[in-house]
Amino acid sequence: MNQGPSRIFDELAKLMTDGAGVAQGIKREAETAFRAQAEGFLANMDLVKREEFDVVREMASRAREENEALRKELNAMKKRLAALQKAGKK
């Protein structure tokens, strides 16, 4: 009679272990499916890679610096031209 309850507990433990294994499998399948969906979604978006973004940001920064230098040079030329025109009228 000792075999009866012990055997039931053994079977119950086996079912629990099998259930945990099934749950792990389902979890892995769900993660794999989610990753595939996320990768597909991101692939369909028109995103740039970080390296490409950094390169373009650096180019824009250099262009801003160059524009500022050119703006200063243009303003200096305008002042010289205005001074020359003013001196020519005298």
PDB file of N, CA and C in Angstrom:
ATOM      1  N   MET A   1       0.795  -1.184   0.000  1.00  0.00           N
ATOM      2  CA  MET A   1       0.000   0.000   0.000  1.00  0.00           C
ATOM      3  C   MET A   1       0.851   1.268   0.000  1.00  0.00           C
ATOM      4  N   ASN A   2       2.054   1.151   0.444  1.00  0.00           N
ATOM      5  CA  ASN A   2       2.942   2.306   0.420  1.00  0.00           C
ATOM      6  C   ASN A   2       3.256   2.726  -1.006  1.00  0.00           C
ATOM      7  N   GLN A   3       3.158   1.811  -1.912  1.00  0.00           N
ATOM      8  CA  GLN A   3       3.460   2.098  -3.309  1.00  0.00           C
ATOM      9  C   GLN A   3       2.421   3.038  -3.918  1.00  0.00           C
ATOM     10  N   GLY A   4       1.198   2.998  -3.476  1.00  0.00           N
ATOM     11  CA  GLY A   4       0.109   3.771  -4.074  1.00  0.00           C
ATOM     12  C   GLY A   4       0.331   5.272  -4.031  1.00  0.00           C
ATOM     13  N   PRO A   5       0.385   5.894  -2.878  1.00  0.00           N
ATOM     14  CA  PRO A   5       0.561   7.351  -2.816  1.00  0.00           C
ATOM     15  C   PRO A   5       1.909   7.786  -3.381  1.00  0.00           C
ATOM     16  N   SER A   6       2.930   6.997  -3.149  1.00  0.00           N
ATOM     17  CA  SER A   6       4.247   7.352  -3.662  1.00  0.00           C
ATOM     18  C   SER A   6       4.241   7.366  -5.185  1.00  0.00           C
ATOM     19  N   ARG A   7       3.572   6.372  -5.742  1.00  0.00           N
ATOM     20  CA  ARG A   7       3.494   6.297  -7.195  1.00  0.00           C
ATOM     21  C   ARG A   7       2.706   7.480  -7.754  1.00  0.00           C
ATOM     22  N   ILE A   8       1.639   7.875  -7.093  1.00  0.00           N
ATOM     23  CA  ILE A   8       0.847   9.028  -7.534  1.00  0.00           C
ATOM     24  C   ILE A   8       1.706  10.290  -7.517  1.00  0.00           C
ATOM     25  N   PHE A   9       2.486  10.455  -6.435  1.00  0.00           N
ATOM     26  CA  PHE A   9       3.363  11.632  -6.353  1.00  0.00           C
ATOM     27  C   PHE A   9       4.439  11.594  -7.430  1.00  0.00           C
ATOM     28  N   ASP A  10       4.954  10.396  -7.715  1.00  0.00           N
ATOM     29  CA  ASP A  10       5.954  10.269  -8.784  1.00  0.00           C
ATOM     30  C   ASP A  10       5.356  10.661 -10.133  1.00  0.00           C
ATOM     31  N   GLU A  11       4.151  10.180 -10.385  1.00  0.00           N
ATOM     32  CA  GLU A  11       3.482  10.520 -11.651  1.00  0.00           C
ATOM     33  C   GLU A  11       3.178  12.014 -11.721  1.00  0.00           C
ATOM     34  N   LEU A  12       2.739  12.560 -10.603  1.00  0.00           N
ATOM     35  CA  LEU A  12       2.454  14.000 -10.555  1.00  0.00           C
ATOM     36  C   LEU A  12       3.733  14.806 -10.795  1.00  0.00           C
ATOM     37  N   ALA A  13       4.833  14.398 -10.195  1.00  0.00           N
ATOM     38  CA  ALA A  13       6.121  15.078 -10.395  1.00  0.00           C
ATOM     39  C   ALA A  13       6.543  14.977 -11.854  1.00  0.00           C
ATOM     40  N   LYS A  14       6.329  13.808 -12.458  1.00  0.00           N
ATOM     41  CA  LYS A  14       6.677  13.633 -13.864  1.00  0.00           C
ATOM     42  C   LYS A  14       5.832  14.544 -14.750  1.00  0.00           C
ATOM     43  N   LEU A  15       4.544  14.635 -14.455  1.00  0.00           N
ATOM     44  CA  LEU A  15       3.668  15.522 -15.217  1.00  0.00           C
ATOM     45  C   LEU A  15       4.092  16.987 -15.064  1.00  0.00           C
ATOM     46  N   MET A  16       4.474  17.359 -13.852  1.00  0.00           N
ATOM     47  CA  MET A  16       4.923  18.737 -13.612  1.00  0.00           C
ATOM     48  C   MET A  16       6.207  19.023 -14.387  1.00  0.00           C
ATOM     49  N   THR A  17       7.124  18.062 -14.385  1.00  0.00           N
ATOM     50  CA  THR A  17       8.388  18.219 -15.115  1.00  0.00           C
ATOM     51  C   THR A  17       8.116  18.323 -16.605  1.00  0.00           C
ATOM     52  N   ASP A  18       7.254  17.445 -17.110  1.00  0.00           N
ATOM     53  CA  ASP A  18       6.902  17.502 -18.529  1.00  0.00           C
ATOM     54  C   ASP A  18       6.217  18.823 -18.870  1.00  0.00           C
ATOM     55  N   GLY A  19       5.353  19.268 -17.980  1.00  0.00           N
ATOM     56  CA  GLY A  19       4.654  20.540 -18.194  1.00  0.00           C
ATOM     57  C   GLY A  19       5.639  21.706 -18.228  1.00  0.00           C
ATOM     58  N   ALA A  20       6.630  21.675 -17.346  1.00  0.00           N
ATOM     59  CA  ALA A  20       7.642  22.733 -17.330  1.00  0.00           C
ATOM     60  C   ALA A  20       8.441  22.711 -18.629  1.00  0.00           C
ATOM     61  N   GLY A  21       8.755  21.509 -19.122  1.00  0.00           N
ATOM     62  CA  GLY A  21       9.474  21.399 -20.385  1.00  0.00           C
ATOM     63  C   GLY A  21       8.661  21.956 -21.544  1.00  0.00           C
ATOM     64  N   VAL A  22       7.377  21.637 -21.549  1.00  0.00           N
ATOM     65  CA  VAL A  22       6.489  22.155 -22.593  1.00  0.00           C
ATOM     66  C   VAL A  22       6.421  23.680 -22.498  1.00  0.00           C
ATOM     67  N   ALA A  23       6.316  24.200 -21.285  1.00  0.00           N
ATOM     68  CA  ALA A  23       6.250  25.647 -21.095  1.00  0.00           C
ATOM     69  C   ALA A  23       7.533  26.315 -21.599  1.00  0.00           C
ATOM     70  N   GLN A  24       8.689  25.709 -21.337  1.00  0.00           N
ATOM     71  CA  GLN A  24       9.957  26.253 -21.827  1.00  0.00           C
ATOM     72  C   GLN A  24       9.983  26.260 -23.360  1.00  0.00           C
ATOM     73  N   GLY A  25       9.500  25.177 -23.944  1.00  0.00           N
ATOM     74  CA  GLY A  25       9.444  25.093 -25.410  1.00  0.00           C
ATOM     75  C   GLY A  25       8.546  26.162 -25.996  1.00  0.00           C
ATOM     76  N   ILE A  26       7.392  26.364 -25.375  1.00  0.00           N
ATOM     77  CA  ILE A  26       6.463  27.391 -25.841  1.00  0.00           C
ATOM     78  C   ILE A  26       7.104  28.767 -25.702  1.00  0.00           C
ATOM     79  N   LYS A  27       7.802  28.971 -24.593  1.00  0.00           N
ATOM     80  CA  LYS A  27       8.476  30.252 -24.386  1.00  0.00           C
ATOM     81  C   LYS A  27       9.514  30.498 -25.484  1.00  0.00           C
ATOM     82  N   ARG A  28      10.317  29.495 -25.786  1.00  0.00           N
ATOM     83  CA  ARG A  28      11.329  29.640 -26.841  1.00  0.00           C
ATOM     84  C   ARG A  28      10.681  29.922 -28.189  1.00  0.00           C
ATOM     85  N   GLU A  29       9.617  29.210 -28.507  1.00  0.00           N
ATOM     86  CA  GLU A  29       8.910  29.432 -29.770  1.00  0.00           C
ATOM     87  C   GLU A  29       8.336  30.844 -29.842  1.00  0.00           C
ATOM     88  N   ALA A  30       7.766  31.319 -28.732  1.00  0.00           N
ATOM     89  CA  ALA A  30       7.196  32.666 -28.703  1.00  0.00           C
ATOM     90  C   ALA A  30       8.292  33.713 -28.879  1.00  0.00           C
ATOM     91  N   GLU A  31       9.422  33.523 -28.211  1.00  0.00           N
ATOM     92  CA  GLU A  31      10.539  34.463 -28.346  1.00  0.00           C
ATOM     93  C   GLU A  31      11.058  34.485 -29.779  1.00  0.00           C
ATOM     94  N   THR A  32      11.180  33.301 -30.378  1.00  0.00           N
ATOM     95  CA  THR A  32      11.658  33.215 -31.758  1.00  0.00           C
ATOM     96  C   THR A  32      10.686  33.913 -32.704  1.00  0.00           C
ATOM     97  N   ALA A  33       9.412  33.681 -32.522  1.00  0.00           N
ATOM     98  CA  ALA A  33       8.403  34.318 -33.376  1.00  0.00           C
ATOM     99  C   ALA A  33       8.413  35.833 -33.191  1.00  0.00           C
ATOM    100  N   PHE A  34       8.533  36.273 -31.939  1.00  0.00           N
ATOM    101  CA  PHE A  34       8.562  37.710 -31.673  1.00  0.00           C
ATOM    102  C   PHE A  34       9.792  38.352 -32.316  1.00  0.00           C
ATOM    103  N   ARG A  35      10.945  37.707 -32.178  1.00  0.00           N
ATOM    104  CA  ARG A  35      12.170  38.245 -32.789  1.00  0.00           C
ATOM    105  C   ARG A  35      12.023  38.350 -34.304  1.00  0.00           C
ATOM    106  N   ALA A  36      11.464  37.318 -34.900  1.00  0.00           N
ATOM    107  CA  ALA A  36      11.289  37.321 -36.353  1.00  0.00           C
ATOM    108  C   ALA A  36      10.366  38.462 -36.770  1.00  0.00           C
ATOM    109  N   GLN A  37       9.284  38.654 -36.035  1.00  0.00           N
ATOM    110  CA  GLN A  37       8.353  39.742 -36.348  1.00  0.00           C
ATOM    111  C   GLN A  37       9.018  41.102 -36.158  1.00  0.00           C
ATOM    112  N   ALA A  38       9.767  41.258 -35.063  1.00  0.00           N
ATOM    113  CA  ALA A  38      10.436  42.534 -34.792  1.00  0.00           C
ATOM    114  C   ALA A  38      11.490  42.825 -35.855  1.00  0.00           C
ATOM    115  N   GLU A  39      12.274  41.812 -36.228  1.00  0.00           N
ATOM    116  CA  GLU A  39      13.294  42.008 -37.259  1.00  0.00           C
ATOM    117  C   GLU A  39      12.656  42.366 -38.592  1.00  0.00           C
ATOM    118  N   GLY A  40      11.551  41.711 -38.920  1.00  0.00           N
ATOM    119  CA  GLY A  40      10.838  42.033 -40.151  1.00  0.00           C
ATOM    120  C   GLY A  40      10.293  43.452 -40.127  1.00  0.00           C
ATOM    121  N   PHE A  41       9.740  43.847 -39.002  1.00  0.00           N
ATOM    122  CA  PHE A  41       9.206  45.203 -38.852  1.00  0.00           C
ATOM    123  C   PHE A  41      10.317  46.237 -39.016  1.00  0.00           C
ATOM    124  N   LEU A  42      11.436  46.016 -38.345  1.00  0.00           N
ATOM    125  CA  LEU A  42      12.555  46.958 -38.431  1.00  0.00           C
ATOM    126  C   LEU A  42      13.174  46.979 -39.824  1.00  0.00           C
ATOM    127  N   ALA A  43      13.200  45.824 -40.482  1.00  0.00           N
ATOM    128  CA  ALA A  43      13.756  45.766 -41.836  1.00  0.00           C
ATOM    129  C   ALA A  43      12.896  46.560 -42.817  1.00  0.00           C
ATOM    130  N   ASN A  44      11.593  46.586 -42.584  1.00  0.00           N
ATOM    131  CA  ASN A  44      10.695  47.327 -43.472  1.00  0.00           C
ATOM    132  C   ASN A  44      10.727  48.829 -43.224  1.00  0.00           C
ATOM    133  N   MET A  45      11.226  49.226 -42.056  1.00  0.00           N
ATOM    134  CA  MET A  45      11.358  50.657 -41.771  1.00  0.00           C
ATOM    135  C   MET A  45      12.632  51.155 -42.445  1.00  0.00           C
ATOM    136  N   ASP A  46      12.622  52.403 -42.797  1.00  0.00           N
ATOM    137  CA  ASP A  46      13.774  52.983 -43.482  1.00  0.00           C
ATOM    138  C   ASP A  46      14.707  53.606 -42.439  1.00  0.00           C
ATOM    139  N   LEU A  47      15.388  52.753 -41.685  1.00  0.00           N
ATOM    140  CA  LEU A  47      16.269  53.217 -40.620  1.00  0.00           C
ATOM    141  C   LEU A  47      17.713  53.190 -41.087  1.00  0.00           C
ATOM    142  N   VAL A  48      18.512  54.096 -40.534  1.00  0.00           N
ATOM    143  CA  VAL A  48      19.935  54.097 -40.843  1.00  0.00           C
ATOM    144  C   VAL A  48      20.692  53.467 -39.684  1.00  0.00           C
ATOM    145  N   LYS A  49      21.867  52.951 -40.012  1.00  0.00           N
ATOM    146  CA  LYS A  49      22.707  52.373 -38.973  1.00  0.00           C
ATOM    147  C   LYS A  49      23.384  53.495 -38.199  1.00  0.00           C
ATOM    148  N   ARG A  50      23.760  53.206 -36.981  1.00  0.00           N
ATOM    149  CA  ARG A  50      24.370  54.204 -36.106  1.00  0.00           C
ATOM    150  C   ARG A  50      25.630  54.795 -36.737  1.00  0.00           C
ATOM    151  N   GLU A  51      26.446  53.938 -37.360  1.00  0.00           N
ATOM    152  CA  GLU A  51      27.687  54.420 -37.971  1.00  0.00           C
ATOM    153  C   GLU A  51      27.391  55.424 -39.080  1.00  0.00           C
ATOM    154  N   GLU A  52      26.383  55.128 -39.899  1.00  0.00           N
ATOM    155  CA  GLU A  52      26.012  56.034 -40.979  1.00  0.00           C
ATOM    156  C   GLU A  52      25.511  57.360 -40.416  1.00  0.00           C
ATOM    157  N   PHE A  53      24.717  57.287 -39.360  1.00  0.00           N
ATOM    158  CA  PHE A  53      24.201  58.499 -38.721  1.00  0.00           C
ATOM    159  C   PHE A  53      25.337  59.351 -38.193  1.00  0.00           C
ATOM    160  N   ASP A  54      26.310  58.724 -37.524  1.00  0.00           N
ATOM    161  CA  ASP A  54      27.443  59.463 -36.978  1.00  0.00           C
ATOM    162  C   ASP A  54      28.252  60.147 -38.074  1.00  0.00           C
ATOM    163  N   VAL A  55      28.439  59.470 -39.203  1.00  0.00           N
ATOM    164  CA  VAL A  55      29.179  60.058 -40.324  1.00  0.00           C
ATOM    165  C   VAL A  55      28.448  61.286 -40.859  1.00  0.00           C
ATOM    166  N   VAL A  56      27.149  61.163 -41.052  1.00  0.00           N
ATOM    167  CA  VAL A  56      26.370  62.291 -41.583  1.00  0.00           C
ATOM    168  C   VAL A  56      26.331  63.436 -40.570  1.00  0.00           C
ATOM    169  N   ARG A  57      26.231  63.112 -39.292  1.00  0.00           N
ATOM    170  CA  ARG A  57      26.231  64.157 -38.262  1.00  0.00           C
ATOM    171  C   ARG A  57      27.548  64.928 -38.275  1.00  0.00           C
ATOM    172  N   GLU A  58      28.659  64.210 -38.422  1.00  0.00           N
ATOM    173  CA  GLU A  58      29.972  64.854 -38.492  1.00  0.00           C
ATOM    174  C   GLU A  58      30.070  65.741 -39.736  1.00  0.00           C
ATOM    175  N   MET A  59      29.560  65.257 -40.863  1.00  0.00           N
ATOM    176  CA  MET A  59      29.570  66.061 -42.093  1.00  0.00           C
ATOM    177  C   MET A  59      28.750  67.333 -41.897  1.00  0.00           C
ATOM    178  N   ALA A  60      27.596  67.229 -41.258  1.00  0.00           N
ATOM    179  CA  ALA A  60      26.746  68.396 -41.017  1.00  0.00           C
ATOM    180  C   ALA A  60      27.442  69.387 -40.092  1.00  0.00           C
ATOM    181  N   SER A  61      28.130  68.878 -39.098  1.00  0.00           N
ATOM    182  CA  SER A  61      28.862  69.751 -38.178  1.00  0.00           C
ATOM    183  C   SER A  61      29.952  70.524 -38.912  1.00  0.00           C
ATOM    184  N   ARG A  62      30.697  69.831 -39.751  1.00  0.00           N
ATOM    185  CA  ARG A  62      31.736  70.501 -40.549  1.00  0.00           C
ATOM    186  C   ARG A  62      31.124  71.535 -41.491  1.00  0.00           C
ATOM    187  N   ALA A  63      29.995  71.200 -42.095  1.00  0.00           N
ATOM    188  CA  ALA A  63      29.333  72.130 -43.015  1.00  0.00           C
ATOM    189  C   ALA A  63      28.878  73.382 -42.265  1.00  0.00           C
ATOM    190  N   ARG A  64      28.347  73.212 -41.048  1.00  0.00           N
ATOM    191  CA  ARG A  64      27.941  74.380 -40.248  1.00  0.00           C
ATOM    192  C   ARG A  64      29.139  75.266 -39.928  1.00  0.00           C
ATOM    193  N   GLU A  65      30.252  74.639 -39.546  1.00  0.00           N
ATOM    194  CA  GLU A  65      31.466  75.409 -39.247  1.00  0.00           C
ATOM    195  C   GLU A  65      31.945  76.168 -40.490  1.00  0.00           C
ATOM    196  N   GLU A  66      31.931  75.499 -41.630  1.00  0.00           N
ATOM    197  CA  GLU A  66      32.358  76.135 -42.874  1.00  0.00           C
ATOM    198  C   GLU A  66      31.418  77.281 -43.245  1.00  0.00           C
ATOM    199  N   ASN A  67      30.118  77.080 -43.074  1.00  0.00           N
ATOM    200  CA  ASN A  67      29.148  78.136 -43.369  1.00  0.00           C
ATOM    201  C   ASN A  67      29.372  79.345 -42.472  1.00  0.00           C
ATOM    202  N   GLU A  68      29.654  79.109 -41.209  1.00  0.00           N
ATOM    203  CA  GLU A  68      29.900  80.213 -40.285  1.00  0.00           C
ATOM    204  C   GLU A  68      31.153  80.989 -40.697  1.00  0.00           C
ATOM    205  N   ALA A  69      32.212  80.274 -41.079  1.00  0.00           N
ATOM    206  CA  ALA A  69      33.442  80.940 -41.528  1.00  0.00           C
ATOM    207  C   ALA A  69      33.174  81.752 -42.785  1.00  0.00           C
ATOM    208  N   LEU A  70      32.419  81.182 -43.720  1.00  0.00           N
ATOM    209  CA  LEU A  70      32.091  81.904 -44.953  1.00  0.00           C
ATOM    210  C   LEU A  70      31.210  83.120 -44.675  1.00  0.00           C
ATOM    211  N   ARG A  71      30.304  83.000 -43.727  1.00  0.00           N
ATOM    212  CA  ARG A  71      29.434  84.115 -43.358  1.00  0.00           C
ATOM    213  C   ARG A  71      30.279  85.269 -42.804  1.00  0.00           C
ATOM    214  N   LYS A  72      31.252  84.938 -41.948  1.00  0.00           N
ATOM    215  CA  LYS A  72      32.125  85.972 -41.386  1.00  0.00           C
ATOM    216  C   LYS A  72      32.949  86.637 -42.492  1.00  0.00           C
ATOM    217  N   GLU A  73      33.461  85.839 -43.390  1.00  0.00           N
ATOM    218  CA  GLU A  73      34.259  86.375 -44.499  1.00  0.00           C
ATOM    219  C   GLU A  73      33.401  87.268 -45.392  1.00  0.00           C
ATOM    220  N   LEU A  74      32.171  86.850 -45.666  1.00  0.00           N
ATOM    221  CA  LEU A  74      31.274  87.653 -46.494  1.00  0.00           C
ATOM    222  C   LEU A  74      30.949  88.976 -45.811  1.00  0.00           C
ATOM    223  N   ASN A  75      30.681  88.943 -44.516  1.00  0.00           N
ATOM    224  CA  ASN A  75      30.379  90.178 -43.792  1.00  0.00           C
ATOM    225  C   ASN A  75      31.577  91.122 -43.813  1.00  0.00           C
ATOM    226  N   ALA A  76      32.780  90.588 -43.667  1.00  0.00           N
ATOM    227  CA  ALA A  76      33.983  91.422 -43.732  1.00  0.00           C
ATOM    228  C   ALA A  76      34.130  92.038 -45.119  1.00  0.00           C
ATOM    229  N   MET A  77      33.861  91.281 -46.154  1.00  0.00           N
ATOM    230  CA  MET A  77      33.947  91.807 -47.522  1.00  0.00           C
ATOM    231  C   MET A  77      32.905  92.903 -47.747  1.00  0.00           C
ATOM    232  N   LYS A  78      31.708  92.694 -47.223  1.00  0.00           N
ATOM    233  CA  LYS A  78      30.662  93.714 -47.356  1.00  0.00           C
ATOM    234  C   LYS A  78      31.088  95.012 -46.674  1.00  0.00           C
ATOM    235  N   LYS A  79      31.701  94.898 -45.504  1.00  0.00           N
ATOM    236  CA  LYS A  79      32.160  96.089 -44.796  1.00  0.00           C
ATOM    237  C   LYS A  79      33.249  96.804 -45.600  1.00  0.00           C
ATOM    238  N   ARG A  80      34.184  96.036 -46.167  1.00  0.00           N
ATOM    239  CA  ARG A  80      35.249  96.641 -46.980  1.00  0.00           C
ATOM    240  C   ARG A  80      34.668  97.313 -48.219  1.00  0.00           C
ATOM    241  N   LEU A  81      33.719  96.660 -48.860  1.00  0.00           N
ATOM    242  CA  LEU A  81      33.086  97.234 -50.046  1.00  0.00           C
ATOM    243  C   LEU A  81      32.348  98.518 -49.687  1.00  0.00           C
ATOM    244  N   ALA A  82      31.619  98.490 -48.588  1.00  0.00           N
ATOM    245  CA  ALA A  82      30.886  99.693 -48.153  1.00  0.00           C
ATOM    246  C   ALA A  82      31.853 100.813 -47.855  1.00  0.00           C
ATOM    247  N   ALA A  83      33.005 100.482 -47.218  1.00  0.00           N
ATOM    248  CA  ALA A  83      33.995 101.509 -46.913  1.00  0.00           C
ATOM    249  C   ALA A  83      34.594 102.060 -48.204  1.00  0.00           C
ATOM    250  N   LEU A  84      34.866 101.192 -49.179  1.00  0.00           N
ATOM    251  CA  LEU A  84      35.410 101.647 -50.461  1.00  0.00           C
ATOM    252  C   LEU A  84      34.421 102.529 -51.211  1.00  0.00           C
ATOM    253  N   GLN A  85      33.144 102.146 -51.180  1.00  0.00           N
ATOM    254  CA  GLN A  85      32.107 102.929 -51.861  1.00  0.00           C
ATOM    255  C   GLN A  85      31.956 104.271 -51.175  1.00  0.00           C
ATOM    256  N   LYS A  86      32.023 104.281 -49.855  1.00  0.00           N
ATOM    257  CA  LYS A  86      31.903 105.522 -49.100  1.00  0.00           C
ATOM    258  C   LYS A  86      33.098 106.435 -49.394  1.00  0.00           C
ATOM    259  N   ALA A  87      34.294 105.843 -49.474  1.00  0.00           N
ATOM    260  CA  ALA A  87      35.505 106.627 -49.759  1.00  0.00           C
ATOM    261  C   ALA A  87      35.464 107.143 -51.195  1.00  0.00           C
ATOM    262  N   GLY A  88      34.916 106.402 -52.119  1.00  0.00           N
ATOM    263  CA  GLY A  88      34.830 106.828 -53.520  1.00  0.00           C
ATOM    264  C   GLY A  88      33.875 107.974 -53.732  1.00  0.00           C
ATOM    265  N   LYS A  89      32.883 108.133 -52.916  1.00  0.00           N
ATOM    266  CA  LYS A  89      31.885 109.206 -53.041  1.00  0.00           C
ATOM    267  C   LYS A  89      32.453 110.524 -52.552  1.00  0.00           C
ATOM    268  N   LYS A  90      33.488 110.472 -51.767  1.00  0.00           N
ATOM    269  CA  LYS A  90      34.044 111.715 -51.220  1.00  0.00           C
ATOM    270  C   LYS A  90      34.878 112.414 -52.203  1.00  0.00           C
TER     271      LYS A  90
END
